[in-house]
Amino acid sequence: MIVEERELWMEDEVKLVTREQYTEMLIDASFKDAAEIEFGLLSWCEHHSATWRKQGYDDMWIRQRIGMAQGSRGLHRTLKEQGLSMLEIREMLWKAYEEYPVFSWRIVVSSTPPVIRPL
């Protein structure tokens, strides 16, 4: 009975999104993280770590999330330095998520244009 009630509650509360919507959310978050970290990595980490700890995430998860955010900032910085516009950067990220739906990816800076590949 408890399991059934929980399943019903979860179905009522969960909003499903399409893969395209989820990808947009990831791209938007990467732009936000990159912009916020440019103003100061330490303050960004302190702010977000406190929130994540309250949500129950452990130190391992927090370190991984910070690493992903740093990678995102580096990616955005590299693509900006290569002269790509915000729309072109979004397009590159879309292609990366379409080709490699796994969250682990890296940019190969030495190639022109930049190529995003999975780790």
PDB file of N, CA and C in Angstrom:
ATOM      1  N   MET A   1       0.820  -1.191   0.000  1.00  0.00           N
ATOM      2  CA  MET A   1       0.000   0.000   0.000  1.00  0.00           C
ATOM      3  C   MET A   1       0.864   1.255   0.000  1.00  0.00           C
ATOM      4  N   ILE A   2       1.932   1.282   0.818  1.00  0.00           N
ATOM      5  CA  ILE A   2       2.809   2.445   0.862  1.00  0.00           C
ATOM      6  C   ILE A   2       3.499   2.649  -0.480  1.00  0.00           C
ATOM      7  N   VAL A   3       3.946   1.562  -1.096  1.00  0.00           N
ATOM      8  CA  VAL A   3       4.610   1.656  -2.396  1.00  0.00           C
ATOM      9  C   VAL A   3       3.656   2.218  -3.427  1.00  0.00           C
ATOM     10  N   GLU A   4       2.431   1.732  -3.458  1.00  0.00           N
ATOM     11  CA  GLU A   4       1.451   2.223  -4.414  1.00  0.00           C
ATOM     12  C   GLU A   4       1.196   3.708  -4.212  1.00  0.00           C
ATOM     13  N   GLU A   5       1.052   4.144  -2.960  1.00  0.00           N
ATOM     14  CA  GLU A   5       0.826   5.557  -2.688  1.00  0.00           C
ATOM     15  C   GLU A   5       2.000   6.395  -3.153  1.00  0.00           C
ATOM     16  N   ARG A   6       3.216   5.908  -2.901  1.00  0.00           N
ATOM     17  CA  ARG A   6       4.408   6.650  -3.319  1.00  0.00           C
ATOM     18  C   ARG A   6       4.472   6.737  -4.838  1.00  0.00           C
ATOM     19  N   GLU A   7       4.197   5.631  -5.540  1.00  0.00           N
ATOM     20  CA  GLU A   7       4.217   5.647  -6.997  1.00  0.00           C
ATOM     21  C   GLU A   7       3.195   6.638  -7.548  1.00  0.00           C
ATOM     22  N   LEU A   8       1.996   6.658  -6.962  1.00  0.00           N
ATOM     23  CA  LEU A   8       0.981   7.607  -7.406  1.00  0.00           C
ATOM     24  C   LEU A   8       1.435   9.040  -7.161  1.00  0.00           C
ATOM     25  N   TRP A   9       2.029   9.287  -5.992  1.00  0.00           N
ATOM     26  CA  TRP A   9       2.513  10.624  -5.675  1.00  0.00           C
ATOM     27  C   TRP A   9       3.596  11.053  -6.659  1.00  0.00           C
ATOM     28  N   MET A  10       4.517  10.127  -6.963  1.00  0.00           N
ATOM     29  CA  MET A  10       5.598  10.455  -7.887  1.00  0.00           C
ATOM     30  C   MET A  10       5.053  10.749  -9.267  1.00  0.00           C
ATOM     31  N   GLU A  11       4.064   9.997  -9.705  1.00  0.00           N
ATOM     32  CA  GLU A  11       3.494  10.249 -11.017  1.00  0.00           C
ATOM     33  C   GLU A  11       2.834  11.614 -11.074  1.00  0.00           C
ATOM     34  N   ASP A  12       2.208  12.026  -9.990  1.00  0.00           N
ATOM     35  CA  ASP A  12       1.555  13.330  -9.962  1.00  0.00           C
ATOM     36  C   ASP A  12       2.560  14.477  -9.961  1.00  0.00           C
ATOM     37  N   GLU A  13       3.703  14.290  -9.308  1.00  0.00           N
ATOM     38  CA  GLU A  13       4.670  15.356  -9.112  1.00  0.00           C
ATOM     39  C   GLU A  13       5.713  15.458 -10.224  1.00  0.00           C
ATOM     40  N   VAL A  14       5.982  14.383 -10.929  1.00  0.00           N
ATOM     41  CA  VAL A  14       7.052  14.355 -11.913  1.00  0.00           C
ATOM     42  C   VAL A  14       6.559  14.931 -13.229  1.00  0.00           C
ATOM     43  N   LYS A  15       7.341  15.879 -13.736  1.00  0.00           N
ATOM     44  CA  LYS A  15       7.039  16.442 -15.044  1.00  0.00           C
ATOM     45  C   LYS A  15       8.062  15.885 -16.024  1.00  0.00           C
ATOM     46  N   LEU A  16       7.599  15.124 -16.984  1.00  0.00           N
ATOM     47  CA  LEU A  16       8.500  14.534 -17.964  1.00  0.00           C
ATOM     48  C   LEU A  16       8.832  15.552 -19.039  1.00  0.00           C
ATOM     49  N   VAL A  17      10.071  15.506 -19.494  1.00  0.00           N
ATOM     50  CA  VAL A  17      10.500  16.393 -20.569  1.00  0.00           C
ATOM     51  C   VAL A  17      11.036  15.557 -21.715  1.00  0.00           C
ATOM     52  N   THR A  18      10.997  16.125 -22.894  1.00  0.00           N
ATOM     53  CA  THR A  18      11.544  15.426 -24.055  1.00  0.00           C
ATOM     54  C   THR A  18      13.065  15.505 -24.027  1.00  0.00           C
ATOM     55  N   ARG A  19      13.687  14.700 -24.841  1.00  0.00           N
ATOM     56  CA  ARG A  19      15.150  14.739 -24.925  1.00  0.00           C
ATOM     57  C   ARG A  19      15.625  16.115 -25.384  1.00  0.00           C
ATOM     58  N   GLU A  20      14.898  16.724 -26.322  1.00  0.00           N
ATOM     59  CA  GLU A  20      15.259  18.049 -26.813  1.00  0.00           C
ATOM     60  C   GLU A  20      15.169  19.093 -25.698  1.00  0.00           C
ATOM     61  N   GLN A  21      14.111  19.009 -24.898  1.00  0.00           N
ATOM     62  CA  GLN A  21      13.966  19.942 -23.783  1.00  0.00           C
ATOM     63  C   GLN A  21      15.084  19.746 -22.769  1.00  0.00           C
ATOM     64  N   TYR A  22      15.415  18.494 -22.507  1.00  0.00           N
ATOM     65  CA  TYR A  22      16.479  18.202 -21.547  1.00  0.00           C
ATOM     66  C   TYR A  22      17.818  18.724 -22.062  1.00  0.00           C
ATOM     67  N   THR A  23      18.083  18.534 -23.341  1.00  0.00           N
ATOM     68  CA  THR A  23      19.318  19.028 -23.938  1.00  0.00           C
ATOM     69  C   THR A  23      19.384  20.544 -23.829  1.00  0.00           C
ATOM     70  N   GLU A  24      18.270  21.221 -24.103  1.00  0.00           N
ATOM     71  CA  GLU A  24      18.223  22.677 -23.950  1.00  0.00           C
ATOM     72  C   GLU A  24      18.533  23.084 -22.521  1.00  0.00           C
ATOM     73  N   MET A  25      17.996  22.335 -21.564  1.00  0.00           N
ATOM     74  CA  MET A  25      18.248  22.639 -20.158  1.00  0.00           C
ATOM     75  C   MET A  25      19.734  22.475 -19.831  1.00  0.00           C
ATOM     76  N   LEU A  26      20.370  21.433 -20.361  1.00  0.00           N
ATOM     77  CA  LEU A  26      21.801  21.217 -20.134  1.00  0.00           C
ATOM     78  C   LEU A  26      22.635  22.342 -20.735  1.00  0.00           C
ATOM     79  N   ILE A  27      22.282  22.739 -21.946  1.00  0.00           N
ATOM     80  CA  ILE A  27      23.024  23.809 -22.624  1.00  0.00           C
ATOM     81  C   ILE A  27      22.848  25.124 -21.874  1.00  0.00           C
ATOM     82  N   ASP A  28      21.619  25.433 -21.481  1.00  0.00           N
ATOM     83  CA  ASP A  28      21.372  26.659 -20.716  1.00  0.00           C
ATOM     84  C   ASP A  28      22.170  26.658 -19.416  1.00  0.00           C
ATOM     85  N   ALA A  29      22.180  25.510 -18.740  1.00  0.00           N
ATOM     86  CA  ALA A  29      22.923  25.400 -17.479  1.00  0.00           C
ATOM     87  C   ALA A  29      24.420  25.582 -17.705  1.00  0.00           C
ATOM     88  N   SER A  30      24.930  25.072 -18.821  1.00  0.00           N
ATOM     89  CA  SER A  30      26.361  25.212 -19.080  1.00  0.00           C
ATOM     90  C   SER A  30      26.724  26.676 -19.314  1.00  0.00           C
ATOM     91  N   PHE A  31      25.861  27.431 -20.011  1.00  0.00           N
ATOM     92  CA  PHE A  31      26.111  28.859 -20.203  1.00  0.00           C
ATOM     93  C   PHE A  31      26.071  29.595 -18.864  1.00  0.00           C
ATOM     94  N   LYS A  32      25.091  29.259 -18.033  1.00  0.00           N
ATOM     95  CA  LYS A  32      24.955  29.909 -16.733  1.00  0.00           C
ATOM     96  C   LYS A  32      26.159  29.607 -15.850  1.00  0.00           C
ATOM     97  N   ASP A  33      26.550  28.327 -15.776  1.00  0.00           N
ATOM     98  CA  ASP A  33      27.715  27.943 -14.971  1.00  0.00           C
ATOM     99  C   ASP A  33      28.970  28.667 -15.445  1.00  0.00           C
ATOM    100  N   ALA A  34      29.185  28.670 -16.750  1.00  0.00           N
ATOM    101  CA  ALA A  34      30.385  29.301 -17.303  1.00  0.00           C
ATOM    102  C   ALA A  34      30.424  30.787 -16.957  1.00  0.00           C
ATOM    103  N   ALA A  35      29.305  31.460 -17.089  1.00  0.00           N
ATOM    104  CA  ALA A  35      29.257  32.896 -16.787  1.00  0.00           C
ATOM    105  C   ALA A  35      29.489  33.158 -15.302  1.00  0.00           C
ATOM    106  N   GLU A  36      28.845  32.371 -14.446  1.00  0.00           N
ATOM    107  CA  GLU A  36      28.990  32.574 -13.001  1.00  0.00           C
ATOM    108  C   GLU A  36      30.410  32.269 -12.533  1.00  0.00           C
ATOM    109  N   ILE A  37      31.021  31.241 -13.080  1.00  0.00           N
ATOM    110  CA  ILE A  37      32.366  30.857 -12.656  1.00  0.00           C
ATOM    111  C   ILE A  37      33.398  31.891 -13.101  1.00  0.00           C
ATOM    112  N   GLU A  38      33.145  32.568 -14.208  1.00  0.00           N
ATOM    113  CA  GLU A  38      34.060  33.619 -14.658  1.00  0.00           C
ATOM    114  C   GLU A  38      34.197  34.713 -13.602  1.00  0.00           C
ATOM    115  N   PHE A  39      33.157  34.942 -12.819  1.00  0.00           N
ATOM    116  CA  PHE A  39      33.198  35.961 -11.783  1.00  0.00           C
ATOM    117  C   PHE A  39      33.906  35.475 -10.526  1.00  0.00           C
ATOM    118  N   GLY A  40      34.066  34.184 -10.389  1.00  0.00           N
ATOM    119  CA  GLY A  40      34.789  33.672  -9.232  1.00  0.00           C
ATOM    120  C   GLY A  40      34.419  32.243  -8.918  1.00  0.00           C
ATOM    121  N   LEU A  41      35.367  31.345  -9.139  1.00  0.00           N
ATOM    122  CA  LEU A  41      35.128  29.923  -8.912  1.00  0.00           C
ATOM    123  C   LEU A  41      34.865  29.628  -7.439  1.00  0.00           C
ATOM    124  N   LEU A  42      35.644  30.227  -6.548  1.00  0.00           N
ATOM    125  CA  LEU A  42      35.497  29.930  -5.128  1.00  0.00           C
ATOM    126  C   LEU A  42      34.111  30.308  -4.612  1.00  0.00           C
ATOM    127  N   SER A  43      33.645  31.492  -4.945  1.00  0.00           N
ATOM    128  CA  SER A  43      32.319  31.907  -4.461  1.00  0.00           C
ATOM    129  C   SER A  43      31.222  31.048  -5.088  1.00  0.00           C
ATOM    130  N   TRP A  44      31.400  30.658  -6.353  1.00  0.00           N
ATOM    131  CA  TRP A  44      30.419  29.788  -7.013  1.00  0.00           C
ATOM    132  C   TRP A  44      30.358  28.443  -6.296  1.00  0.00           C
ATOM    133  N   CYS A  45      31.532  27.891  -5.981  1.00  0.00           N
ATOM    134  CA  CYS A  45      31.592  26.588  -5.297  1.00  0.00           C
ATOM    135  C   CYS A  45      30.969  26.659  -3.912  1.00  0.00           C
ATOM    136  N   GLU A  46      31.310  27.706  -3.164  1.00  0.00           N
ATOM    137  CA  GLU A  46      30.763  27.840  -1.813  1.00  0.00           C
ATOM    138  C   GLU A  46      29.241  27.935  -1.840  1.00  0.00           C
ATOM    139  N   HIS A  47      28.722  28.731  -2.745  1.00  0.00           N
ATOM    140  CA  HIS A  47      27.273  28.910  -2.851  1.00  0.00           C
ATOM    141  C   HIS A  47      26.574  27.601  -3.215  1.00  0.00           C
ATOM    142  N   HIS A  48      27.044  26.973  -4.279  1.00  0.00           N
ATOM    143  CA  HIS A  48      26.378  25.767  -4.775  1.00  0.00           C
ATOM    144  C   HIS A  48      26.611  24.558  -3.874  1.00  0.00           C
ATOM    145  N   SER A  49      27.814  24.437  -3.310  1.00  0.00           N
ATOM    146  CA  SER A  49      28.100  23.290  -2.442  1.00  0.00           C
ATOM    147  C   SER A  49      27.167  23.258  -1.241  1.00  0.00           C
ATOM    148  N   ALA A  50      26.921  24.421  -0.662  1.00  0.00           N
ATOM    149  CA  ALA A  50      26.009  24.481   0.490  1.00  0.00           C
ATOM    150  C   ALA A  50      24.607  23.997   0.095  1.00  0.00           C
ATOM    151  N   THR A  51      24.155  24.416  -1.054  1.00  0.00           N
ATOM    152  CA  THR A  51      22.833  23.990  -1.542  1.00  0.00           C
ATOM    153  C   THR A  51      22.806  22.493  -1.789  1.00  0.00           C
ATOM    154  N   TRP A  52      23.841  21.977  -2.440  1.00  0.00           N
ATOM    155  CA  TRP A  52      23.880  20.553  -2.761  1.00  0.00           C
ATOM    156  C   TRP A  52      23.969  19.695  -1.501  1.00  0.00           C
ATOM    157  N   ARG A  53      24.697  20.172  -0.504  1.00  0.00           N
ATOM    158  CA  ARG A  53      24.782  19.420   0.756  1.00  0.00           C
ATOM    159  C   ARG A  53      23.408  19.339   1.424  1.00  0.00           C
ATOM    160  N   LYS A  54      22.665  20.450   1.401  1.00  0.00           N
ATOM    161  CA  LYS A  54      21.314  20.455   1.967  1.00  0.00           C
ATOM    162  C   LYS A  54      20.413  19.475   1.223  1.00  0.00           C
ATOM    163  N   GLN A  55      20.682  19.289  -0.074  1.00  0.00           N
ATOM    164  CA  GLN A  55      19.888  18.364  -0.881  1.00  0.00           C
ATOM    165  C   GLN A  55      20.332  16.918  -0.708  1.00  0.00           C
ATOM    166  N   GLY A  56      21.407  16.704   0.072  1.00  0.00           N
ATOM    167  CA  GLY A  56      21.832  15.350   0.385  1.00  0.00           C
ATOM    168  C   GLY A  56      22.927  14.773  -0.493  1.00  0.00           C
ATOM    169  N   TYR A  57      23.539  15.580  -1.345  1.00  0.00           N
ATOM    170  CA  TYR A  57      24.619  15.073  -2.190  1.00  0.00           C
ATOM    171  C   TYR A  57      25.900  14.937  -1.375  1.00  0.00           C
ATOM    172  N   ASP A  58      26.679  13.884  -1.687  1.00  0.00           N
ATOM    173  CA  ASP A  58      27.926  13.665  -0.963  1.00  0.00           C
ATOM    174  C   ASP A  58      29.079  14.430  -1.616  1.00  0.00           C
ATOM    175  N   ASP A  59      30.239  14.411  -0.951  1.00  0.00           N
ATOM    176  CA  ASP A  59      31.397  15.170  -1.433  1.00  0.00           C
ATOM    177  C   ASP A  59      31.873  14.698  -2.800  1.00  0.00           C
ATOM    178  N   MET A  60      31.791  13.405  -3.061  1.00  0.00           N
ATOM    179  CA  MET A  60      32.211  12.873  -4.361  1.00  0.00           C
ATOM    180  C   MET A  60      31.365  13.487  -5.479  1.00  0.00           C
ATOM    181  N   TRP A  61      30.055  13.484  -5.284  1.00  0.00           N
ATOM    182  CA  TRP A  61      29.154  14.041  -6.298  1.00  0.00           C
ATOM    183  C   TRP A  61      29.431  15.524  -6.480  1.00  0.00           C
ATOM    184  N   ILE A  62      29.637  16.246  -5.387  1.00  0.00           N
ATOM    185  CA  ILE A  62      29.895  17.689  -5.453  1.00  0.00           C
ATOM    186  C   ILE A  62      31.186  17.962  -6.210  1.00  0.00           C
ATOM    187  N   ARG A  63      32.233  17.186  -5.942  1.00  0.00           N
ATOM    188  CA  ARG A  63      33.494  17.365  -6.674  1.00  0.00           C
ATOM    189  C   ARG A  63      33.308  17.102  -8.166  1.00  0.00           C
ATOM    190  N   GLN A  64      32.551  16.065  -8.503  1.00  0.00           N
ATOM    191  CA  GLN A  64      32.299  15.774  -9.916  1.00  0.00           C
ATOM    192  C   GLN A  64      31.524  16.902 -10.576  1.00  0.00           C
ATOM    193  N   ARG A  65      30.541  17.429  -9.864  1.00  0.00           N
ATOM    194  CA  ARG A  65      29.724  18.516 -10.421  1.00  0.00           C
ATOM    195  C   ARG A  65      30.558  19.776 -10.635  1.00  0.00           C
ATOM    196  N   ILE A  66      31.447  20.072  -9.690  1.00  0.00           N
ATOM    197  CA  ILE A  66      32.347  21.225  -9.837  1.00  0.00           C
ATOM    198  C   ILE A  66      33.281  21.006 -11.024  1.00  0.00           C
ATOM    199  N   GLY A  67      33.790  19.792 -11.170  1.00  0.00           N
ATOM    200  CA  GLY A  67      34.650  19.471 -12.309  1.00  0.00           C
ATOM    201  C   GLY A  67      33.932  19.647 -13.633  1.00  0.00           C
ATOM    202  N   MET A  68      32.670  19.222 -13.681  1.00  0.00           N
ATOM    203  CA  MET A  68      31.888  19.403 -14.907  1.00  0.00           C
ATOM    204  C   MET A  68      31.690  20.887 -15.207  1.00  0.00           C
ATOM    205  N   ALA A  69      31.431  21.674 -14.176  1.00  0.00           N
ATOM    206  CA  ALA A  69      31.232  23.112 -14.366  1.00  0.00           C
ATOM    207  C   ALA A  69      32.521  23.784 -14.842  1.00  0.00           C
ATOM    208  N   GLN A  70      33.655  23.367 -14.292  1.00  0.00           N
ATOM    209  CA  GLN A  70      34.933  23.917 -14.738  1.00  0.00           C
ATOM    210  C   GLN A  70      35.200  23.548 -16.196  1.00  0.00           C
ATOM    211  N   GLY A  71      34.877  22.318 -16.553  1.00  0.00           N
ATOM    212  CA  GLY A  71      35.028  21.898 -17.945  1.00  0.00           C
ATOM    213  C   GLY A  71      34.137  22.700 -18.868  1.00  0.00           C
ATOM    214  N   SER A  72      32.937  22.971 -18.414  1.00  0.00           N
ATOM    215  CA  SER A  72      32.000  23.775 -19.190  1.00  0.00           C
ATOM    216  C   SER A  72      32.538  25.185 -19.401  1.00  0.00           C
ATOM    217  N   ARG A  73      33.075  25.760 -18.323  1.00  0.00           N
ATOM    218  CA  ARG A  73      33.650  27.102 -18.438  1.00  0.00           C
ATOM    219  C   ARG A  73      34.802  27.098 -19.431  1.00  0.00           C
ATOM    220  N   GLY A  74      35.686  26.097 -19.344  1.00  0.00           N
ATOM    221  CA  GLY A  74      36.814  26.008 -20.269  1.00  0.00           C
ATOM    222  C   GLY A  74      36.365  25.853 -21.711  1.00  0.00           C
ATOM    223  N   LEU A  75      35.346  25.041 -21.909  1.00  0.00           N
ATOM    224  CA  LEU A  75      34.809  24.845 -23.250  1.00  0.00           C
ATOM    225  C   LEU A  75      34.254  26.148 -23.805  1.00  0.00           C
ATOM    226  N   HIS A  76      33.449  26.835 -23.022  1.00  0.00           N
ATOM    227  CA  HIS A  76      32.868  28.099 -23.482  1.00  0.00           C
ATOM    228  C   HIS A  76      33.962  29.128 -23.768  1.00  0.00           C
ATOM    229  N   ARG A  77      34.949  29.195 -22.891  1.00  0.00           N
ATOM    230  CA  ARG A  77      36.038  30.151 -23.084  1.00  0.00           C
ATOM    231  C   ARG A  77      36.805  29.843 -24.373  1.00  0.00           C
ATOM    232  N   THR A  78      37.109  28.573 -24.597  1.00  0.00           N
ATOM    233  CA  THR A  78      37.847  28.168 -25.795  1.00  0.00           C
ATOM    234  C   THR A  78      37.078  28.507 -27.066  1.00  0.00           C
ATOM    235  N   LEU A  79      35.789  28.194 -27.058  1.00  0.00           N
ATOM    236  CA  LEU A  79      34.983  28.469 -28.250  1.00  0.00           C
ATOM    237  C   LEU A  79      34.833  29.968 -28.485  1.00  0.00           C
ATOM    238  N   LYS A  80      34.717  30.759 -27.418  1.00  0.00           N
ATOM    239  CA  LYS A  80      34.653  32.225 -27.561  1.00  0.00           C
ATOM    240  C   LYS A  80      35.955  32.765 -28.128  1.00  0.00           C
ATOM    241  N   GLU A  81      37.079  32.252 -27.603  1.00  0.00           N
ATOM    242  CA  GLU A  81      38.390  32.708 -28.072  1.00  0.00           C
ATOM    243  C   GLU A  81      38.589  32.386 -29.547  1.00  0.00           C
ATOM    244  N   GLN A  82      37.929  31.340 -30.025  1.00  0.00           N
ATOM    245  CA  GLN A  82      38.030  30.981 -31.435  1.00  0.00           C
ATOM    246  C   GLN A  82      37.060  31.795 -32.294  1.00  0.00           C
ATOM    247  N   GLY A  83      36.342  32.719 -31.652  1.00  0.00           N
ATOM    248  CA  GLY A  83      35.488  33.639 -32.388  1.00  0.00           C
ATOM    249  C   GLY A  83      34.065  33.156 -32.626  1.00  0.00           C
ATOM    250  N   LEU A  84      33.663  32.088 -31.992  1.00  0.00           N
ATOM    251  CA  LEU A  84      32.302  31.596 -32.190  1.00  0.00           C
ATOM    252  C   LEU A  84      31.309  32.465 -31.421  1.00  0.00           C
ATOM    253  N   SER A  85      30.171  32.703 -32.040  1.00  0.00           N
ATOM    254  CA  SER A  85      29.102  33.458 -31.383  1.00  0.00           C
ATOM    255  C   SER A  85      28.360  32.550 -30.416  1.00  0.00           C
ATOM    256  N   MET A  86      27.484  33.136 -29.620  1.00  0.00           N
ATOM    257  CA  MET A  86      26.699  32.356 -28.669  1.00  0.00           C
ATOM    258  C   MET A  86      25.847  31.315 -29.408  1.00  0.00           C
ATOM    259  N   LEU A  87      25.277  31.699 -30.525  1.00  0.00           N
ATOM    260  CA  LEU A  87      24.465  30.752 -31.297  1.00  0.00           C
ATOM    261  C   LEU A  87      25.310  29.617 -31.866  1.00  0.00           C
ATOM    262  N   GLU A  88      26.511  29.940 -32.315  1.00  0.00           N
ATOM    263  CA  GLU A  88      27.398  28.894 -32.831  1.00  0.00           C
ATOM    264  C   GLU A  88      27.838  27.942 -31.712  1.00  0.00           C
ATOM    265  N   ILE A  89      28.073  28.490 -30.531  1.00  0.00           N
ATOM    266  CA  ILE A  89      28.439  27.644 -29.388  1.00  0.00           C
ATOM    267  C   ILE A  89      27.278  26.724 -29.047  1.00  0.00           C
ATOM    268  N   ARG A  90      26.051  27.252 -29.025  1.00  0.00           N
ATOM    269  CA  ARG A  90      24.864  26.430 -28.758  1.00  0.00           C
ATOM    270  C   ARG A  90      24.763  25.305 -29.776  1.00  0.00           C
ATOM    271  N   GLU A  91      25.019  25.623 -31.029  1.00  0.00           N
ATOM    272  CA  GLU A  91      24.951  24.617 -32.094  1.00  0.00           C
ATOM    273  C   GLU A  91      25.994  23.523 -31.878  1.00  0.00           C
ATOM    274  N   MET A  92      27.214  23.919 -31.478  1.00  0.00           N
ATOM    275  CA  MET A  92      28.267  22.937 -31.201  1.00  0.00           C
ATOM    276  C   MET A  92      27.845  22.017 -30.055  1.00  0.00           C
ATOM    277  N   LEU A  93      27.268  22.596 -29.008  1.00  0.00           N
ATOM    278  CA  LEU A  93      26.836  21.799 -27.862  1.00  0.00           C
ATOM    279  C   LEU A  93      25.702  20.860 -28.256  1.00  0.00           C
ATOM    280  N   TRP A  94      24.774  21.335 -29.077  1.00  0.00           N
ATOM    281  CA  TRP A  94      23.682  20.473 -29.548  1.00  0.00           C
ATOM    282  C   TRP A  94      24.243  19.267 -30.287  1.00  0.00           C
ATOM    283  N   LYS A  95      25.186  19.526 -31.187  1.00  0.00           N
ATOM    284  CA  LYS A  95      25.790  18.427 -31.946  1.00  0.00           C
ATOM    285  C   LYS A  95      26.471  17.432 -31.014  1.00  0.00           C
ATOM    286  N   ALA A  96      27.156  17.955 -30.008  1.00  0.00           N
ATOM    287  CA  ALA A  96      27.857  17.076 -29.066  1.00  0.00           C
ATOM    288  C   ALA A  96      26.873  16.187 -28.326  1.00  0.00           C
ATOM    289  N   TYR A  97      25.773  16.759 -27.864  1.00  0.00           N
ATOM    290  CA  TYR A  97      24.790  15.963 -27.129  1.00  0.00           C
ATOM    291  C   TYR A  97      24.052  14.987 -28.038  1.00  0.00           C
ATOM    292  N   GLU A  98      23.859  15.349 -29.304  1.00  0.00           N
ATOM    293  CA  GLU A  98      23.200  14.435 -30.237  1.00  0.00           C
ATOM    294  C   GLU A  98      24.102  13.250 -30.570  1.00  0.00           C
ATOM    295  N   GLU A  99      25.381  13.537 -30.813  1.00  0.00           N
ATOM    296  CA  GLU A  99      26.317  12.486 -31.194  1.00  0.00           C
ATOM    297  C   GLU A  99      26.728  11.625 -30.002  1.00  0.00           C
ATOM    298  N   TYR A 100      26.848  12.248 -28.844  1.00  0.00           N
ATOM    299  CA  TYR A 100      27.322  11.557 -27.647  1.00  0.00           C
ATOM    300  C   TYR A 100      26.392  11.896 -26.490  1.00  0.00           C
ATOM    301  N   PRO A 101      25.304  11.161 -26.342  1.00  0.00           N
ATOM    302  CA  PRO A 101      24.343  11.503 -25.294  1.00  0.00           C
ATOM    303  C   PRO A 101      24.863  11.303 -23.877  1.00  0.00           C
ATOM    304  N   VAL A 102      26.026  10.704 -23.740  1.00  0.00           N
ATOM    305  CA  VAL A 102      26.629  10.564 -22.419  1.00  0.00           C
ATOM    306  C   VAL A 102      27.141  11.948 -22.016  1.00  0.00           C
ATOM    307  N   PHE A 103      27.100  12.261 -20.724  1.00  0.00           N
ATOM    308  CA  PHE A 103      27.470  13.590 -20.270  1.00  0.00           C
ATOM    309  C   PHE A 103      28.963  13.850 -20.312  1.00  0.00           C
ATOM    310  N   SER A 104      29.786  12.805 -20.425  1.00  0.00           N
ATOM    311  CA  SER A 104      31.234  12.991 -20.417  1.00  0.00           C
ATOM    312  C   SER A 104      31.715  13.270 -21.829  1.00  0.00           C
ATOM    313  N   TRP A 105      32.173  14.481 -22.055  1.00  0.00           N
ATOM    314  CA  TRP A 105      32.729  14.835 -23.343  1.00  0.00           C
ATOM    315  C   TRP A 105      33.841  15.834 -23.139  1.00  0.00           C
ATOM    316  N   ARG A 106      34.668  15.936 -24.136  1.00  0.00           N
ATOM    317  CA  ARG A 106      35.772  16.882 -24.043  1.00  0.00           C
ATOM    318  C   ARG A 106      35.936  17.547 -25.398  1.00  0.00           C
ATOM    319  N   ILE A 107      36.608  18.638 -25.418  1.00  0.00           N
ATOM    320  CA  ILE A 107      36.849  19.336 -26.671  1.00  0.00           C
ATOM    321  C   ILE A 107      38.303  19.126 -27.057  1.00  0.00           C
ATOM    322  N   VAL A 108      38.497  18.842 -28.301  1.00  0.00           N
ATOM    323  CA  VAL A 108      39.846  18.711 -28.822  1.00  0.00           C
ATOM    324  C   VAL A 108      40.186  20.062 -29.437  1.00  0.00           C
ATOM    325  N   VAL A 109      40.979  20.844 -28.723  1.00  0.00           N
ATOM    326  CA  VAL A 109      41.235  22.223 -29.098  1.00  0.00           C
ATOM    327  C   VAL A 109      42.156  22.315 -30.304  1.00  0.00           C
ATOM    328  N   SER A 110      43.019  21.350 -30.485  1.00  0.00           N
ATOM    329  CA  SER A 110      44.014  21.443 -31.538  1.00  0.00           C
ATOM    330  C   SER A 110      43.425  21.365 -32.941  1.00  0.00           C
ATOM    331  N   SER A 111      42.240  20.808 -33.080  1.00  0.00           N
ATOM    332  CA  SER A 111      41.649  20.699 -34.406  1.00  0.00           C
ATOM    333  C   SER A 111      40.873  21.947 -34.763  1.00  0.00           C
ATOM    334  N   THR A 112      40.733  22.223 -36.049  1.00  0.00           N
ATOM    335  CA  THR A 112      39.972  23.376 -36.505  1.00  0.00           C
ATOM    336  C   THR A 112      38.961  22.900 -37.515  1.00  0.00           C
ATOM    337  N   PRO A 113      37.671  23.129 -37.340  1.00  0.00           N
ATOM    338  CA  PRO A 113      37.060  23.718 -36.151  1.00  0.00           C
ATOM    339  C   PRO A 113      37.138  22.747 -34.986  1.00  0.00           C
ATOM    340  N   PRO A 114      36.819  23.233 -33.787  1.00  0.00           N
ATOM    341  CA  PRO A 114      36.910  22.354 -32.614  1.00  0.00           C
ATOM    342  C   PRO A 114      36.013  21.139 -32.758  1.00  0.00           C
ATOM    343  N   VAL A 115      36.462  20.030 -32.227  1.00  0.00           N
ATOM    344  CA  VAL A 115      35.701  18.799 -32.278  1.00  0.00           C
ATOM    345  C   VAL A 115      35.424  18.368 -30.849  1.00  0.00           C
ATOM    346  N   ILE A 116      34.189  18.007 -30.563  1.00  0.00           N
ATOM    347  CA  ILE A 116      33.829  17.540 -29.242  1.00  0.00           C
ATOM    348  C   ILE A 116      33.704  16.031 -29.311  1.00  0.00           C
ATOM    349  N   ARG A 117      34.435  15.342 -28.422  1.00  0.00           N
ATOM    350  CA  ARG A 117      34.429  13.876 -28.420  1.00  0.00           C
ATOM    351  C   ARG A 117      34.178  13.362 -27.015  1.00  0.00           C
ATOM    352  N   PRO A 118      33.653  12.137 -26.904  1.00  0.00           N
ATOM    353  CA  PRO A 118      33.467  11.580 -25.561  1.00  0.00           C
ATOM    354  C   PRO A 118      34.804  11.252 -24.929  1.00  0.00           C
ATOM    355  N   LEU A 119      34.845  11.217 -23.616  1.00  0.00           N
ATOM    356  CA  LEU A 119      36.075  10.847 -22.911  1.00  0.00           C
ATOM    357  C   LEU A 119      36.345   9.374 -23.039  1.00  0.00           C
TER     358      LEU A 119
END
